[in-house]
Amino acid sequence: MPRDDNVVVGLDIGTTKVCAVIGEVTSDSQVDIIGTGMSPSRGLRKGVVVNIENTVESIKRAVEEAELMAGMDVTDVFAGIAGSHIQSLNSRGVVAVSSRSKEITQADINRAIDAAKAVAVSVDREILHILPQEYVVDDQDGIKEPIGMSGIKLEVDVHIVTGAVTSAHNVLKSVNRAGLEVKDIVLEQIASSAAVLKPDEKELGVLMIDIGGGTTDIAVFFEGSICHTSVLSLGGDNVTKDVSIGLKTPTVEAERVKKKHGCACIDMVDPEETIKLAGIGGEKRKRFLDKLCVK
């Protein structure tokens, strides 16, 4: 990709598929999607890389497809990260305003954030994100942008996201082996919430749930700030396996049936509708009432 600040590339390395998207930032700060690519993911389990070579091949195919659509070469990306190893916590930092005029500057904010991130993190984990929630100036809370304000004491509440060092490094290694540079690693649900949530939803309070193949990503917003993130080791693959075991059909067939006939509300299913399922080991196709598949 040309070194153009107006072009950004996102890479979503998921359990079931790898997606690449190329966007161009317009003059009015909107993003026009100019290229997308997708490839089945073969090297991850529950959001964590378990086979680097297979992951590299999936990344290459997805990026090549996006490059072909956009008509440009990609050299650096923003890579998403997920997995059950993700943990989060909230912390507070407190500092004294340093300038003689007692006017808060960016340096004061940086010192407050540094104080907030001084928490005990085990050696096998690293901090992925430090997200400011709100600032407090001399006991006046609810401040989102304190630069230029006058005060003696500055406090900041932050949301800290941590991940396993090995898992993060395996993501970096997979992307690098695919011939790409990682500009930054972004937690999946933070990227998803930026894409789908509106400011008023974040202000009123909202829970965003992103259900993937191997994991379910959760993000909670209140009063315009993120206050909780977590990753559950459950996803669409669990439903597929349940269908496969319950109906005694191969996993591929169970996935097809889930996508084509799956329904979360039994009242929406025609009780007379039937579906055909392939048997295991060459057995004849079996016929089931569709309603039986959702009870």
Protein backbone atom coordinates (compact mmCIF):
# COMPACT_ATOMS: atom_id res chain seq x y z
CA MET A 1 0.00 0.00 0.00
CA PRO A 2 1.33 3.45 -0.81
CA ARG A 3 2.25 5.49 2.26
CA ASP A 4 -0.97 7.45 2.05
CA ASP A 5 -2.52 8.65 5.31
CA ASN A 6 -5.91 8.66 3.57
CA VAL A 7 -5.89 4.87 3.09
CA VAL A 8 -6.29 2.41 5.96
CA VAL A 9 -6.40 -1.38 5.92
CA GLY A 10 -8.14 -3.52 8.53
CA LEU A 11 -7.52 -7.23 9.06
CA ASP A 12 -9.95 -9.34 11.08
CA ILE A 13 -8.32 -12.69 11.91
CA GLY A 14 -11.24 -14.77 13.12
CA THR A 15 -11.82 -18.39 14.05
CA THR A 16 -13.87 -19.24 10.95
CA LYS A 17 -12.70 -16.63 8.44
CA VAL A 18 -10.11 -13.92 7.81
CA CYS A 19 -11.45 -10.64 6.45
CA ALA A 20 -9.52 -7.73 4.96
CA VAL A 21 -10.96 -4.30 4.18
CA ILE A 22 -9.33 -1.31 2.49
CA GLY A 23 -10.85 2.10 3.17
CA GLU A 24 -10.14 5.59 1.91
CA VAL A 25 -10.74 8.53 4.26
CA THR A 26 -12.56 11.35 2.49
CA SER A 27 -12.27 15.08 3.09
CA ASP A 28 -15.36 15.03 5.37
CA SER A 29 -13.80 12.33 7.61
CA GLN A 30 -15.94 9.55 6.17
CA VAL A 31 -14.53 6.22 5.01
CA ASP A 32 -15.20 4.83 1.55
CA ILE A 33 -14.65 1.08 1.28
CA ILE A 34 -12.66 0.42 -1.89
CA GLY A 35 -11.66 -3.21 -1.37
CA THR A 36 -12.72 -6.27 0.63
CA GLY A 37 -11.47 -9.82 0.83
CA MET A 38 -12.38 -12.95 2.75
CA SER A 39 -10.81 -16.37 3.20
CA PRO A 40 -11.71 -19.39 5.36
CA SER A 41 -9.60 -19.50 8.51
CA ARG A 42 -7.79 -22.78 9.15
CA GLY A 43 -5.25 -21.89 11.80
CA LEU A 44 -7.21 -20.52 14.76
CA ARG A 45 -9.19 -22.01 17.60
CA LYS A 46 -11.40 -19.84 19.80
CA GLY A 47 -9.73 -16.70 18.46
CA VAL A 48 -6.17 -17.87 19.20
CA VAL A 49 -3.57 -18.86 16.58
CA VAL A 50 -2.80 -22.59 16.80
CA ASN A 51 -1.22 -23.06 13.36
CA ILE A 52 0.84 -20.16 12.05
CA GLU A 53 1.36 -21.49 8.51
CA ASN A 54 -2.36 -22.04 7.91
CA THR A 55 -3.12 -18.62 9.37
CA VAL A 56 -0.54 -17.00 7.08
CA GLU A 57 -2.11 -18.59 4.01
CA SER A 58 -5.58 -17.41 5.03
CA ILE A 59 -4.28 -13.87 5.57
CA LYS A 60 -2.57 -13.85 2.16
CA ARG A 61 -5.70 -14.98 0.32
CA ALA A 62 -7.94 -12.42 2.05
CA VAL A 63 -5.51 -9.55 1.46
CA GLU A 64 -4.91 -10.52 -2.18
CA GLU A 65 -8.65 -10.47 -2.82
CA ALA A 66 -8.95 -7.00 -1.25
CA GLU A 67 -5.93 -5.76 -3.22
CA LEU A 68 -7.47 -6.98 -6.48
CA MET A 69 -10.71 -5.15 -5.78
CA ALA A 70 -8.98 -1.92 -4.69
CA GLY A 71 -6.31 -2.00 -7.39
CA MET A 72 -3.43 -1.35 -5.00
CA ASP A 73 -0.81 -3.23 -3.00
CA VAL A 74 -1.12 -3.52 0.77
CA THR A 75 1.98 -3.29 2.98
CA ASP A 76 0.62 -2.43 6.45
CA VAL A 77 -2.57 -3.20 8.34
CA PHE A 78 -4.43 -2.71 11.59
CA ALA A 79 -4.92 -6.24 12.94
CA GLY A 80 -7.76 -7.29 15.20
CA ILE A 81 -7.23 -9.50 18.23
CA ALA A 82 -9.65 -11.54 20.34
CA GLY A 83 -9.65 -14.76 22.34
CA SER A 84 -10.43 -15.92 25.86
CA HIS A 85 -7.03 -14.61 27.03
CA ILE A 86 -8.33 -11.02 26.84
CA GLN A 87 -8.90 -9.42 30.24
CA SER A 88 -9.82 -5.89 31.29
CA LEU A 89 -9.93 -3.70 34.37
CA ASN A 90 -10.67 -0.10 35.34
CA SER A 91 -8.09 2.12 37.03
CA ARG A 92 -7.63 5.72 38.21
CA GLY A 93 -4.60 7.98 38.03
CA VAL A 94 -4.07 11.21 40.00
CA VAL A 95 -1.48 13.95 39.40
CA ALA A 96 -0.94 17.59 40.29
CA VAL A 97 -1.17 20.13 37.48
CA SER A 98 2.41 21.10 36.71
CA SER A 99 2.22 24.54 35.07
CA ARG A 100 2.47 27.72 37.13
CA SER A 101 -0.70 29.04 35.55
CA LYS A 102 -2.48 25.82 36.64
CA GLU A 103 -3.72 25.32 33.10
CA ILE A 104 -4.04 21.66 32.13
CA THR A 105 -1.91 20.61 29.18
CA GLN A 106 -1.45 17.41 27.20
CA ALA A 107 1.63 16.65 29.30
CA ASP A 108 -0.56 16.61 32.44
CA ILE A 109 -2.99 14.23 30.78
CA ASN A 110 -0.14 11.93 29.75
CA ARG A 111 1.20 11.86 33.31
CA ALA A 112 -2.26 11.06 34.69
CA ILE A 113 -2.69 8.19 32.22
CA ASP A 114 0.78 6.89 33.10
CA ALA A 115 -0.23 6.91 36.76
CA ALA A 116 -3.45 5.06 35.97
CA LYS A 117 -1.71 2.30 34.02
CA ALA A 118 0.72 1.61 36.87
CA VAL A 119 -1.19 -1.53 37.84
CA ALA A 120 0.12 -5.00 38.56
CA VAL A 121 0.20 -7.01 35.33
CA SER A 122 1.75 -10.47 35.26
CA VAL A 123 4.83 -11.04 33.12
CA ASP A 124 2.91 -13.24 30.67
CA ARG A 125 0.47 -10.43 29.84
CA GLU A 126 0.79 -7.07 28.13
CA ILE A 127 -1.37 -3.96 27.94
CA LEU A 128 -3.14 -3.65 24.59
CA HIS A 129 -5.30 -0.56 25.18
CA ILE A 130 -5.60 2.26 27.70
CA LEU A 131 -8.93 3.96 27.07
CA PRO A 132 -9.75 7.16 29.02
CA GLN A 133 -13.29 7.18 30.38
CA GLU A 134 -13.55 10.56 32.09
CA TYR A 135 -11.42 13.21 33.76
CA VAL A 136 -11.90 14.85 37.16
CA VAL A 137 -10.54 18.35 37.78
CA ASP A 138 -10.56 19.42 41.45
CA ASP A 139 -13.47 17.05 42.22
CA GLN A 140 -15.46 18.19 39.16
CA ASP A 141 -16.23 14.94 37.34
CA GLY A 142 -17.75 14.09 33.97
CA ILE A 143 -15.10 15.99 31.98
CA LYS A 144 -14.22 14.51 28.59
CA GLU A 145 -11.63 17.06 27.40
CA PRO A 146 -9.74 18.88 30.19
CA ILE A 147 -7.05 20.61 28.08
CA GLY A 148 -7.12 24.37 28.71
CA MET A 149 -9.08 24.11 31.94
CA SER A 150 -7.66 25.47 35.18
CA GLY A 151 -7.16 23.25 38.20
CA ILE A 152 -4.77 22.00 40.84
CA LYS A 153 -5.45 18.26 40.73
CA LEU A 154 -6.19 16.13 37.66
CA GLU A 155 -7.63 12.63 37.87
CA VAL A 156 -8.45 10.22 35.06
CA ASP A 157 -10.46 7.00 34.98
CA VAL A 158 -9.24 4.56 32.32
CA HIS A 159 -10.26 1.17 30.98
CA ILE A 160 -7.24 -1.10 30.53
CA VAL A 161 -7.31 -4.10 28.19
CA THR A 162 -4.64 -6.77 28.53
CA GLY A 163 -3.84 -9.89 26.54
CA ALA A 164 -1.49 -12.85 26.68
CA VAL A 165 1.94 -11.92 25.33
CA THR A 166 2.26 -15.14 23.32
CA SER A 167 -1.16 -14.78 21.68
CA ALA A 168 -0.48 -11.18 20.65
CA HIS A 169 2.96 -12.09 19.30
CA ASN A 170 1.54 -15.00 17.29
CA VAL A 171 -0.89 -12.62 15.62
CA LEU A 172 2.01 -10.26 14.81
CA LYS A 173 4.16 -13.13 13.56
CA SER A 174 1.38 -14.46 11.30
CA VAL A 175 0.78 -11.05 9.72
CA ASN A 176 4.51 -10.40 9.29
CA ARG A 177 5.05 -13.78 7.62
CA ALA A 178 2.29 -12.85 5.19
CA GLY A 179 4.53 -9.95 4.10
CA LEU A 180 2.65 -7.23 5.97
CA GLU A 181 3.53 -4.75 8.69
CA VAL A 182 1.23 -4.33 11.69
CA LYS A 183 0.63 -0.66 12.41
CA ASP A 184 -1.34 -1.50 15.55
CA ILE A 185 -3.33 -4.27 17.23
CA VAL A 186 -6.97 -3.45 17.97
CA LEU A 187 -9.33 -5.37 20.23
CA GLU A 188 -12.11 -6.76 18.05
CA GLN A 189 -15.06 -5.40 20.02
CA ILE A 190 -13.57 -1.90 20.14
CA ALA A 191 -13.37 -1.91 16.35
CA SER A 192 -16.89 -3.36 16.07
CA SER A 193 -18.37 -0.78 18.44
CA ALA A 194 -16.72 2.06 16.51
CA ALA A 195 -18.41 0.76 13.37
CA VAL A 196 -21.95 0.08 14.63
CA LEU A 197 -22.65 2.20 17.73
CA LYS A 198 -23.85 5.79 17.68
CA PRO A 199 -22.77 8.45 20.22
CA ASP A 200 -26.22 8.68 21.81
CA GLU A 201 -26.30 4.90 22.31
CA LYS A 202 -22.97 5.04 24.11
CA GLU A 203 -24.22 7.95 26.21
CA LEU A 204 -27.44 6.23 27.32
CA GLY A 205 -25.73 2.88 27.89
CA VAL A 206 -25.45 -0.07 25.56
CA LEU A 207 -24.19 -3.64 25.56
CA MET A 208 -22.66 -4.74 22.26
CA ILE A 209 -22.37 -8.48 21.59
CA ASP A 210 -20.39 -9.70 18.59
CA ILE A 211 -20.94 -13.45 18.12
CA GLY A 212 -18.20 -15.04 16.04
CA GLY A 213 -17.38 -18.60 15.12
CA GLY A 214 -15.23 -19.43 18.15
CA THR A 215 -15.72 -16.53 20.57
CA THR A 216 -18.30 -13.96 21.60
CA ASP A 217 -16.98 -10.43 22.13
CA ILE A 218 -18.69 -8.13 24.63
CA ALA A 219 -18.33 -4.39 25.17
CA VAL A 220 -20.33 -2.20 27.57
CA PHE A 221 -20.62 1.58 27.17
CA PHE A 222 -22.13 4.08 29.60
CA GLU A 223 -22.12 7.89 29.60
CA GLY A 224 -20.17 7.87 26.36
CA SER A 225 -17.27 5.75 27.62
CA ILE A 226 -16.35 2.07 27.55
CA CYS A 227 -16.56 0.52 31.00
CA HIS A 228 -16.27 -3.24 30.42
CA THR A 229 -14.93 -5.64 27.80
CA SER A 230 -14.70 -9.42 27.83
CA VAL A 231 -14.42 -12.39 25.49
CA LEU A 232 -16.39 -15.62 25.98
CA SER A 233 -15.07 -18.89 24.57
CA LEU A 234 -18.41 -19.64 22.93
CA GLY A 235 -19.54 -18.98 19.38
CA GLY A 236 -21.32 -20.29 16.34
CA ASP A 237 -19.12 -23.39 16.22
CA ASN A 238 -20.70 -24.58 19.47
CA VAL A 239 -24.16 -24.45 17.89
CA THR A 240 -22.88 -26.33 14.85
CA LYS A 241 -21.39 -29.08 17.02
CA ASP A 242 -24.65 -29.40 19.00
CA VAL A 243 -26.62 -29.78 15.77
CA SER A 244 -24.09 -32.31 14.48
CA ILE A 245 -24.28 -34.45 17.62
CA GLY A 246 -28.02 -34.10 18.14
CA LEU A 247 -28.96 -35.01 14.58
CA LYS A 248 -26.03 -37.39 13.99
CA THR A 249 -24.86 -35.63 10.86
CA PRO A 250 -21.39 -34.47 9.70
CA THR A 251 -20.19 -31.06 10.87
CA VAL A 252 -20.25 -29.62 7.33
CA GLU A 253 -23.87 -30.67 6.94
CA ALA A 254 -24.74 -29.31 10.39
CA GLU A 255 -23.23 -25.93 9.43
CA ARG A 256 -25.30 -25.86 6.23
CA VAL A 257 -28.50 -26.72 8.10
CA LYS A 258 -27.81 -24.12 10.78
CA LYS A 259 -27.33 -21.34 8.23
CA LYS A 260 -30.26 -22.32 6.02
CA HIS A 261 -32.86 -23.48 8.53
CA GLY A 262 -31.72 -22.18 11.92
CA CYS A 263 -34.24 -20.06 13.82
CA ALA A 264 -34.14 -18.71 17.38
CA CYS A 265 -37.93 -18.49 17.72
CA ILE A 266 -39.85 -21.73 17.34
CA ASP A 267 -43.11 -19.89 16.56
CA MET A 268 -41.59 -18.69 13.28
CA VAL A 269 -41.06 -22.25 12.03
CA ASP A 270 -43.61 -24.03 9.81
CA PRO A 271 -44.44 -27.27 11.71
CA GLU A 272 -44.98 -29.11 8.41
CA GLU A 273 -41.69 -28.06 6.81
CA THR A 274 -39.10 -30.82 6.51
CA ILE A 275 -35.35 -30.81 5.88
CA LYS A 276 -32.98 -33.45 4.57
CA LEU A 277 -29.77 -34.34 6.36
CA ALA A 278 -26.80 -36.36 5.21
CA GLY A 279 -25.99 -39.35 7.38
CA ILE A 280 -22.60 -40.27 8.84
CA GLY A 281 -20.39 -42.76 7.02
CA GLY A 282 -22.40 -42.91 3.81
CA GLU A 283 -25.78 -43.45 5.44
CA LYS A 284 -28.83 -42.44 3.47
CA ARG A 285 -30.10 -38.91 3.79
CA LYS A 286 -32.59 -38.55 6.61
CA ARG A 287 -35.65 -36.36 6.71
CA PHE A 288 -36.60 -34.35 9.79
CA LEU A 289 -39.38 -31.99 10.65
CA ASP A 290 -37.77 -28.55 10.69
CA LYS A 291 -39.45 -27.81 14.02
CA LEU A 292 -37.60 -30.68 15.67
CA CYS A 293 -34.27 -29.00 14.86
CA VAL A 294 -34.97 -25.97 17.01
CA LYS A 295 -36.58 -27.49 20.10
